[in-house]
C-alpha atoms as a PDB file:
ATOM      1  CA  MET A   1       0.000   0.000   0.000  1.00  0.00           C
ATOM      2  CA  ASN A   2       1.370   3.369  -1.027  1.00  0.00           C
ATOM      3  CA  GLY A   3      -0.756   5.406   1.353  1.00  0.00           C
ATOM      4  CA  GLY A   4      -2.553   8.612   0.707  1.00  0.00           C
ATOM      5  CA  ILE A   5      -6.076   9.764   0.028  1.00  0.00           C
ATOM      6  CA  LEU A   6      -8.137   9.264  -3.112  1.00  0.00           C
ATOM      7  CA  VAL A   7     -10.923  11.788  -3.757  1.00  0.00           C
ATOM      8  CA  ILE A   8     -13.628  10.356  -6.013  1.00  0.00           C
ATOM      9  CA  ASN A   9     -16.386  12.451  -7.571  1.00  0.00           C
ATOM     10  CA  GLY A  10     -19.409  11.124  -9.395  1.00  0.00           C
ATOM     11  CA  PRO A  11     -21.842  12.297 -12.052  1.00  0.00           C
ATOM     12  CA  ASN A  12     -22.234  15.978 -12.897  1.00  0.00           C
ATOM     13  CA  LEU A  13     -19.612  17.167 -10.423  1.00  0.00           C
ATOM     14  CA  ASN A  14     -17.487  18.162 -13.409  1.00  0.00           C
ATOM     15  CA  LEU A  15     -20.087  20.944 -13.844  1.00  0.00           C
ATOM     16  CA  LEU A  16     -19.521  22.505 -10.417  1.00  0.00           C
ATOM     17  CA  GLY A  17     -19.427  26.263 -10.562  1.00  0.00           C
ATOM     18  CA  VAL A  18     -21.913  26.435 -13.428  1.00  0.00           C
ATOM     19  CA  ARG A  19     -24.550  23.875 -12.421  1.00  0.00           C
ATOM     20  CA  GLU A  20     -27.085  25.344 -10.000  1.00  0.00           C
ATOM     21  CA  PRO A  21     -24.590  27.617  -8.214  1.00  0.00           C
ATOM     22  CA  SER A  22     -27.258  28.631  -5.692  1.00  0.00           C
ATOM     23  CA  LEU A  23     -27.331  25.001  -4.537  1.00  0.00           C
ATOM     24  CA  TYR A  24     -23.786  23.776  -5.184  1.00  0.00           C
ATOM     25  CA  GLY A  25     -21.714  26.972  -5.023  1.00  0.00           C
ATOM     26  CA  THR A  26     -19.533  28.776  -7.524  1.00  0.00           C
ATOM     27  CA  GLN A  27     -16.246  26.887  -7.036  1.00  0.00           C
ATOM     28  CA  SER A  28     -15.323  24.489  -9.822  1.00  0.00           C
ATOM     29  CA  LEU A  29     -14.206  20.949  -9.090  1.00  0.00           C
ATOM     30  CA  GLU A  30     -10.734  21.926 -10.328  1.00  0.00           C
ATOM     31  CA  GLU A  31     -10.606  24.752  -7.777  1.00  0.00           C
ATOM     32  CA  ILE A  32     -11.688  22.410  -4.979  1.00  0.00           C
ATOM     33  CA  ASN A  33      -9.052  19.871  -6.048  1.00  0.00           C
ATOM     34  CA  ARG A  34      -6.317  22.514  -6.131  1.00  0.00           C
ATOM     35  CA  GLU A  35      -7.234  23.565  -2.605  1.00  0.00           C
ATOM     36  CA  LEU A  36      -7.078  19.953  -1.428  1.00  0.00           C
ATOM     37  CA  GLU A  37      -3.714  19.536  -3.173  1.00  0.00           C
ATOM     38  CA  ARG A  38      -2.349  22.516  -1.233  1.00  0.00           C
ATOM     39  CA  MET A  39      -3.645  21.061   2.025  1.00  0.00           C
ATOM     40  CA  ALA A  40      -2.176  17.642   1.220  1.00  0.00           C
ATOM     41  CA  SER A  41       1.178  19.145   0.325  1.00  0.00           C
ATOM     42  CA  ALA A  42       1.260  21.081   3.596  1.00  0.00           C
ATOM     43  CA  ALA A  43       0.358  17.903   5.516  1.00  0.00           C
ATOM     44  CA  GLY A  44       2.843  15.723   3.619  1.00  0.00           C
ATOM     45  CA  ILE A  45       0.086  13.421   2.380  1.00  0.00           C
ATOM     46  CA  ARG A  46      -0.237  12.064  -1.139  1.00  0.00           C
ATOM     47  CA  ILE A  47      -3.612  12.799  -2.745  1.00  0.00           C
ATOM     48  CA  GLY A  48      -5.255  11.602  -5.950  1.00  0.00           C
ATOM     49  CA  PHE A  49      -8.399  12.682  -7.770  1.00  0.00           C
ATOM     50  CA  PHE A  50     -10.890  10.942 -10.040  1.00  0.00           C
ATOM     51  CA  GLN A  51     -14.195  12.097 -11.509  1.00  0.00           C
ATOM     52  CA  SER A  52     -16.524  10.241 -13.825  1.00  0.00           C
ATOM     53  CA  ASN A  53     -20.109  10.397 -14.974  1.00  0.00           C
ATOM     54  CA  HIS A  54     -20.094   6.600 -15.394  1.00  0.00           C
ATOM     55  CA  GLU A  55     -20.885   4.173 -12.595  1.00  0.00           C
ATOM     56  CA  GLY A  56     -18.637   1.390 -13.891  1.00  0.00           C
ATOM     57  CA  GLU A  57     -15.611   3.684 -14.089  1.00  0.00           C
ATOM     58  CA  LEU A  58     -16.196   4.748 -10.490  1.00  0.00           C
ATOM     59  CA  VAL A  59     -16.442   1.108  -9.392  1.00  0.00           C
ATOM     60  CA  GLU A  60     -13.186   0.284 -11.187  1.00  0.00           C
ATOM     61  CA  GLN A  61     -11.431   3.265  -9.594  1.00  0.00           C
ATOM     62  CA  VAL A  62     -12.587   2.171  -6.128  1.00  0.00           C
ATOM     63  CA  GLN A  63     -11.257  -1.329  -6.775  1.00  0.00           C
ATOM     64  CA  GLN A  64      -7.884   0.033  -7.948  1.00  0.00           C
ATOM     65  CA  ALA A  65      -7.659   2.238  -4.858  1.00  0.00           C
ATOM     66  CA  ARG A  66      -7.235  -0.869  -2.721  1.00  0.00           C
ATOM     67  CA  ASP A  67      -3.600  -1.172  -3.799  1.00  0.00           C
ATOM     68  CA  ASP A  68      -2.713   2.520  -4.039  1.00  0.00           C
ATOM     69  CA  PHE A  69      -4.428   4.455  -1.243  1.00  0.00           C
ATOM     70  CA  GLU A  70      -5.306   4.102   2.418  1.00  0.00           C
ATOM     71  CA  LEU A  71      -8.528   6.132   2.486  1.00  0.00           C
ATOM     72  CA  ILE A  72     -11.255   7.255   0.077  1.00  0.00           C
ATOM     73  CA  ILE A  73     -13.205  10.515   0.186  1.00  0.00           C
ATOM     74  CA  ILE A  74     -16.207  10.148  -2.096  1.00  0.00           C
ATOM     75  CA  ASN A  75     -18.983  12.349  -3.399  1.00  0.00           C
ATOM     76  CA  ALA A  76     -20.913   9.821  -5.447  1.00  0.00           C
ATOM     77  CA  ALA A  77     -23.543  12.476  -6.235  1.00  0.00           C
ATOM     78  CA  ALA A  78     -26.800  10.908  -7.451  1.00  0.00           C
ATOM     79  CA  LEU A  79     -25.207   7.449  -7.397  1.00  0.00           C
ATOM     80  CA  SER A  80     -25.131   7.721  -3.603  1.00  0.00           C
ATOM     81  CA  HIS A  81     -28.852   7.051  -3.565  1.00  0.00           C
ATOM     82  CA  TYR A  82     -29.124   3.982  -5.785  1.00  0.00           C
ATOM     83  CA  SER A  83     -25.770   2.424  -6.733  1.00  0.00           C
ATOM     84  CA  ILE A  84     -25.557  -0.971  -5.110  1.00  0.00           C
ATOM     85  CA  ALA A  85     -22.496  -1.652  -7.285  1.00  0.00           C
ATOM     86  CA  LEU A  86     -20.629   1.316  -5.801  1.00  0.00           C
ATOM     87  CA  HIS A  87     -21.730   0.329  -2.297  1.00  0.00           C
ATOM     88  CA  ASP A  88     -20.420  -3.198  -2.878  1.00  0.00           C
ATOM     89  CA  ALA A  89     -17.104  -1.965  -4.323  1.00  0.00           C
ATOM     90  CA  LEU A  90     -16.492   0.344  -1.362  1.00  0.00           C
ATOM     91  CA  ARG A  91     -17.261  -2.486   1.037  1.00  0.00           C
ATOM     92  CA  ALA A  92     -15.019  -4.920  -0.860  1.00  0.00           C
ATOM     93  CA  VAL A  93     -11.863  -2.775  -0.787  1.00  0.00           C
ATOM     94  CA  ASN A  94     -11.964  -2.546   2.998  1.00  0.00           C
ATOM     95  CA  LEU A  95     -10.618   1.032   3.149  1.00  0.00           C
ATOM     96  CA  PRO A  96     -11.964   3.804   5.362  1.00  0.00           C
ATOM     97  CA  VAL A  97     -14.464   5.899   3.396  1.00  0.00           C
ATOM     98  CA  ILE A  98     -15.660   9.436   4.088  1.00  0.00           C
ATOM     99  CA  GLU A  99     -18.838  10.448   2.275  1.00  0.00           C
ATOM    100  CA  VAL A 100     -19.139  14.062   1.134  1.00  0.00           C
ATOM    101  CA  HIS A 101     -22.006  16.094  -0.286  1.00  0.00           C
ATOM    102  CA  LEU A 102     -21.981  19.802  -1.035  1.00  0.00           C
ATOM    103  CA  SER A 103     -25.646  20.176  -0.091  1.00  0.00           C
ATOM    104  CA  ASN A 104     -27.469  18.720   2.882  1.00  0.00           C
ATOM    105  CA  ILE A 105     -29.046  15.663   1.280  1.00  0.00           C
ATOM    106  CA  TYR A 106     -31.407  15.303   4.242  1.00  0.00           C
ATOM    107  CA  ALA A 107     -32.883  18.781   3.635  1.00  0.00           C
ATOM    108  CA  ARG A 108     -33.608  18.039  -0.027  1.00  0.00           C
ATOM    109  CA  GLU A 109     -35.992  15.780  -1.938  1.00  0.00           C
ATOM    110  CA  GLU A 110     -37.100  12.631  -0.148  1.00  0.00           C
ATOM    111  CA  PHE A 111     -35.324  10.327  -2.626  1.00  0.00           C
ATOM    112  CA  ARG A 112     -32.001  11.896  -1.576  1.00  0.00           C
ATOM    113  CA  HIS A 113     -32.510  11.071   2.107  1.00  0.00           C
ATOM    114  CA  GLN A 114     -31.187   7.530   1.709  1.00  0.00           C
ATOM    115  CA  SER A 115     -27.517   6.970   0.925  1.00  0.00           C
ATOM    116  CA  LEU A 116     -26.138   3.569   0.024  1.00  0.00           C
ATOM    117  CA  ILE A 117     -22.648   4.961   0.675  1.00  0.00           C
ATOM    118  CA  SER A 118     -23.291   5.890   4.326  1.00  0.00           C
ATOM    119  CA  PRO A 119     -23.452   2.281   5.607  1.00  0.00           C
ATOM    120  CA  VAL A 120     -19.898   1.620   4.364  1.00  0.00           C
ATOM    121  CA  ALA A 121     -18.471   4.994   5.406  1.00  0.00           C
ATOM    122  CA  VAL A 122     -16.768   5.850   8.683  1.00  0.00           C
ATOM    123  CA  GLY A 123     -18.570   9.187   8.508  1.00  0.00           C
ATOM    124  CA  GLY A 124     -20.094  11.811   6.286  1.00  0.00           C
ATOM    125  CA  ILE A 125     -19.945  15.555   5.831  1.00  0.00           C
ATOM    126  CA  PHE A 126     -22.940  17.217   4.191  1.00  0.00           C
ATOM    127  CA  GLY A 127     -24.211  20.695   3.478  1.00  0.00           C
ATOM    128  CA  PHE A 128     -21.155  22.926   3.767  1.00  0.00           C
ATOM    129  CA  GLY A 129     -20.496  23.454   0.072  1.00  0.00           C
ATOM    130  CA  ALA A 130     -16.835  23.241  -0.925  1.00  0.00           C
ATOM    131  CA  LEU A 131     -15.915  23.379   2.768  1.00  0.00           C
ATOM    132  CA  SER A 132     -17.314  19.829   3.023  1.00  0.00           C
ATOM    133  CA  TYR A 133     -14.278  18.584   1.086  1.00  0.00           C
ATOM    134  CA  ARG A 134     -11.807  20.438   3.305  1.00  0.00           C
ATOM    135  CA  LEU A 135     -13.496  19.110   6.437  1.00  0.00           C
ATOM    136  CA  ALA A 136     -13.407  15.592   4.980  1.00  0.00           C
ATOM    137  CA  PHE A 137      -9.703  16.005   4.247  1.00  0.00           C
ATOM    138  CA  LEU A 138      -9.014  17.055   7.846  1.00  0.00           C
ATOM    139  CA  ALA A 139     -10.994  14.048   9.103  1.00  0.00           C
ATOM    140  CA  ALA A 140      -9.064  11.791   6.716  1.00  0.00           C
ATOM    141  CA  CYS A 141      -5.763  13.082   8.093  1.00  0.00           C
ATOM    142  CA  GLU A 142      -6.883  12.246  11.635  1.00  0.00           C
ATOM    143  CA  ILE A 143      -7.949   8.738  10.569  1.00  0.00           C
ATOM    144  CA  ILE A 144      -4.628   8.125   8.832  1.00  0.00           C
ATOM    145  CA  LYS A 145      -2.706   9.499  11.797  1.00  0.00           C
ATOM    146  CA  GLY A 146      -4.677   7.239  14.165  1.00  0.00           C
ATOM    147  CA  ARG A 147      -3.889   4.169  12.056  1.00  0.00           C
ATOM    148  CA  GLU A 148      -0.162   4.969  12.103  1.00  0.00           C
ATOM    149  CA  GLU A 149       0.008   5.291  15.901  1.00  0.00           C
END
Protein backbone atom coordinates (compact mmCIF):
# COMPACT_ATOMS: atom_id res chain seq x y z
CA MET A 1 0.00 0.00 0.00
CA ASN A 2 1.37 3.37 -1.03
CA GLY A 3 -0.76 5.41 1.35
CA GLY A 4 -2.55 8.61 0.71
CA ILE A 5 -6.08 9.76 0.03
CA LEU A 6 -8.14 9.26 -3.11
CA VAL A 7 -10.92 11.79 -3.76
CA ILE A 8 -13.63 10.36 -6.01
CA ASN A 9 -16.39 12.45 -7.57
CA GLY A 10 -19.41 11.12 -9.40
CA PRO A 11 -21.84 12.30 -12.05
CA ASN A 12 -22.23 15.98 -12.90
CA LEU A 13 -19.61 17.17 -10.42
CA ASN A 14 -17.49 18.16 -13.41
CA LEU A 15 -20.09 20.94 -13.84
CA LEU A 16 -19.52 22.51 -10.42
CA GLY A 17 -19.43 26.26 -10.56
CA VAL A 18 -21.91 26.44 -13.43
CA ARG A 19 -24.55 23.88 -12.42
CA GLU A 20 -27.09 25.34 -10.00
CA PRO A 21 -24.59 27.62 -8.21
CA SER A 22 -27.26 28.63 -5.69
CA LEU A 23 -27.33 25.00 -4.54
CA TYR A 24 -23.79 23.78 -5.18
CA GLY A 25 -21.71 26.97 -5.02
CA THR A 26 -19.53 28.78 -7.52
CA GLN A 27 -16.25 26.89 -7.04
CA SER A 28 -15.32 24.49 -9.82
CA LEU A 29 -14.21 20.95 -9.09
CA GLU A 30 -10.73 21.93 -10.33
CA GLU A 31 -10.61 24.75 -7.78
CA ILE A 32 -11.69 22.41 -4.98
CA ASN A 33 -9.05 19.87 -6.05
CA ARG A 34 -6.32 22.51 -6.13
CA GLU A 35 -7.23 23.57 -2.61
CA LEU A 36 -7.08 19.95 -1.43
CA GLU A 37 -3.71 19.54 -3.17
CA ARG A 38 -2.35 22.52 -1.23
CA MET A 39 -3.65 21.06 2.02
CA ALA A 40 -2.18 17.64 1.22
CA SER A 41 1.18 19.14 0.33
CA ALA A 42 1.26 21.08 3.60
CA ALA A 43 0.36 17.90 5.52
CA GLY A 44 2.84 15.72 3.62
CA ILE A 45 0.09 13.42 2.38
CA ARG A 46 -0.24 12.06 -1.14
CA ILE A 47 -3.61 12.80 -2.74
CA GLY A 48 -5.25 11.60 -5.95
CA PHE A 49 -8.40 12.68 -7.77
CA PHE A 50 -10.89 10.94 -10.04
CA GLN A 51 -14.19 12.10 -11.51
CA SER A 52 -16.52 10.24 -13.82
CA ASN A 53 -20.11 10.40 -14.97
CA HIS A 54 -20.09 6.60 -15.39
CA GLU A 55 -20.88 4.17 -12.60
CA GLY A 56 -18.64 1.39 -13.89
CA GLU A 57 -15.61 3.68 -14.09
CA LEU A 58 -16.20 4.75 -10.49
CA VAL A 59 -16.44 1.11 -9.39
CA GLU A 60 -13.19 0.28 -11.19
CA GLN A 61 -11.43 3.27 -9.59
CA VAL A 62 -12.59 2.17 -6.13
CA GLN A 63 -11.26 -1.33 -6.77
CA GLN A 64 -7.88 0.03 -7.95
CA ALA A 65 -7.66 2.24 -4.86
CA ARG A 66 -7.23 -0.87 -2.72
CA ASP A 67 -3.60 -1.17 -3.80
CA ASP A 68 -2.71 2.52 -4.04
CA PHE A 69 -4.43 4.45 -1.24
CA GLU A 70 -5.31 4.10 2.42
CA LEU A 71 -8.53 6.13 2.49
CA ILE A 72 -11.26 7.26 0.08
CA ILE A 73 -13.20 10.52 0.19
CA ILE A 74 -16.21 10.15 -2.10
CA ASN A 75 -18.98 12.35 -3.40
CA ALA A 76 -20.91 9.82 -5.45
CA ALA A 77 -23.54 12.48 -6.24
CA ALA A 78 -26.80 10.91 -7.45
CA LEU A 79 -25.21 7.45 -7.40
CA SER A 80 -25.13 7.72 -3.60
CA HIS A 81 -28.85 7.05 -3.56
CA TYR A 82 -29.12 3.98 -5.79
CA SER A 83 -25.77 2.42 -6.73
CA ILE A 84 -25.56 -0.97 -5.11
CA ALA A 85 -22.50 -1.65 -7.29
CA LEU A 86 -20.63 1.32 -5.80
CA HIS A 87 -21.73 0.33 -2.30
CA ASP A 88 -20.42 -3.20 -2.88
CA ALA A 89 -17.10 -1.96 -4.32
CA LEU A 90 -16.49 0.34 -1.36
CA ARG A 91 -17.26 -2.49 1.04
CA ALA A 92 -15.02 -4.92 -0.86
CA VAL A 93 -11.86 -2.78 -0.79
CA ASN A 94 -11.96 -2.55 3.00
CA LEU A 95 -10.62 1.03 3.15
CA PRO A 96 -11.96 3.80 5.36
CA VAL A 97 -14.46 5.90 3.40
CA ILE A 98 -15.66 9.44 4.09
CA GLU A 99 -18.84 10.45 2.27
CA VAL A 100 -19.14 14.06 1.13
CA HIS A 101 -22.01 16.09 -0.29
CA LEU A 102 -21.98 19.80 -1.04
CA SER A 103 -25.65 20.18 -0.09
CA ASN A 104 -27.47 18.72 2.88
CA ILE A 105 -29.05 15.66 1.28
CA TYR A 106 -31.41 15.30 4.24
CA ALA A 107 -32.88 18.78 3.63
CA ARG A 108 -33.61 18.04 -0.03
CA GLU A 109 -35.99 15.78 -1.94
CA GLU A 110 -37.10 12.63 -0.15
CA PHE A 111 -35.32 10.33 -2.63
CA ARG A 112 -32.00 11.90 -1.58
CA HIS A 113 -32.51 11.07 2.11
CA GLN A 114 -31.19 7.53 1.71
CA SER A 115 -27.52 6.97 0.92
CA LEU A 116 -26.14 3.57 0.02
CA ILE A 117 -22.65 4.96 0.67
CA SER A 118 -23.29 5.89 4.33
CA PRO A 119 -23.45 2.28 5.61
CA VAL A 120 -19.90 1.62 4.36
CA ALA A 121 -18.47 4.99 5.41
CA VAL A 122 -16.77 5.85 8.68
CA GLY A 123 -18.57 9.19 8.51
CA GLY A 124 -20.09 11.81 6.29
CA ILE A 125 -19.94 15.55 5.83
CA PHE A 126 -22.94 17.22 4.19
CA GLY A 127 -24.21 20.69 3.48
CA PHE A 128 -21.16 22.93 3.77
CA GLY A 129 -20.50 23.45 0.07
CA ALA A 130 -16.84 23.24 -0.93
CA LEU A 131 -15.91 23.38 2.77
CA SER A 132 -17.31 19.83 3.02
CA TYR A 133 -14.28 18.58 1.09
CA ARG A 134 -11.81 20.44 3.30
CA LEU A 135 -13.50 19.11 6.44
CA ALA A 136 -13.41 15.59 4.98
CA PHE A 137 -9.70 16.00 4.25
CA LEU A 138 -9.01 17.05 7.85
CA ALA A 139 -10.99 14.05 9.10
CA ALA A 140 -9.06 11.79 6.72
CA CYS A 141 -5.76 13.08 8.09
CA GLU A 142 -6.88 12.25 11.64
CA ILE A 143 -7.95 8.74 10.57
CA ILE A 144 -4.63 8.12 8.83
CA LYS A 145 -2.71 9.50 11.80
CA GLY A 146 -4.68 7.24 14.16
CA ARG A 147 -3.89 4.17 12.06
CA GLU A 148 -0.16 4.97 12.10
CA GLU A 149 0.01 5.29 15.90
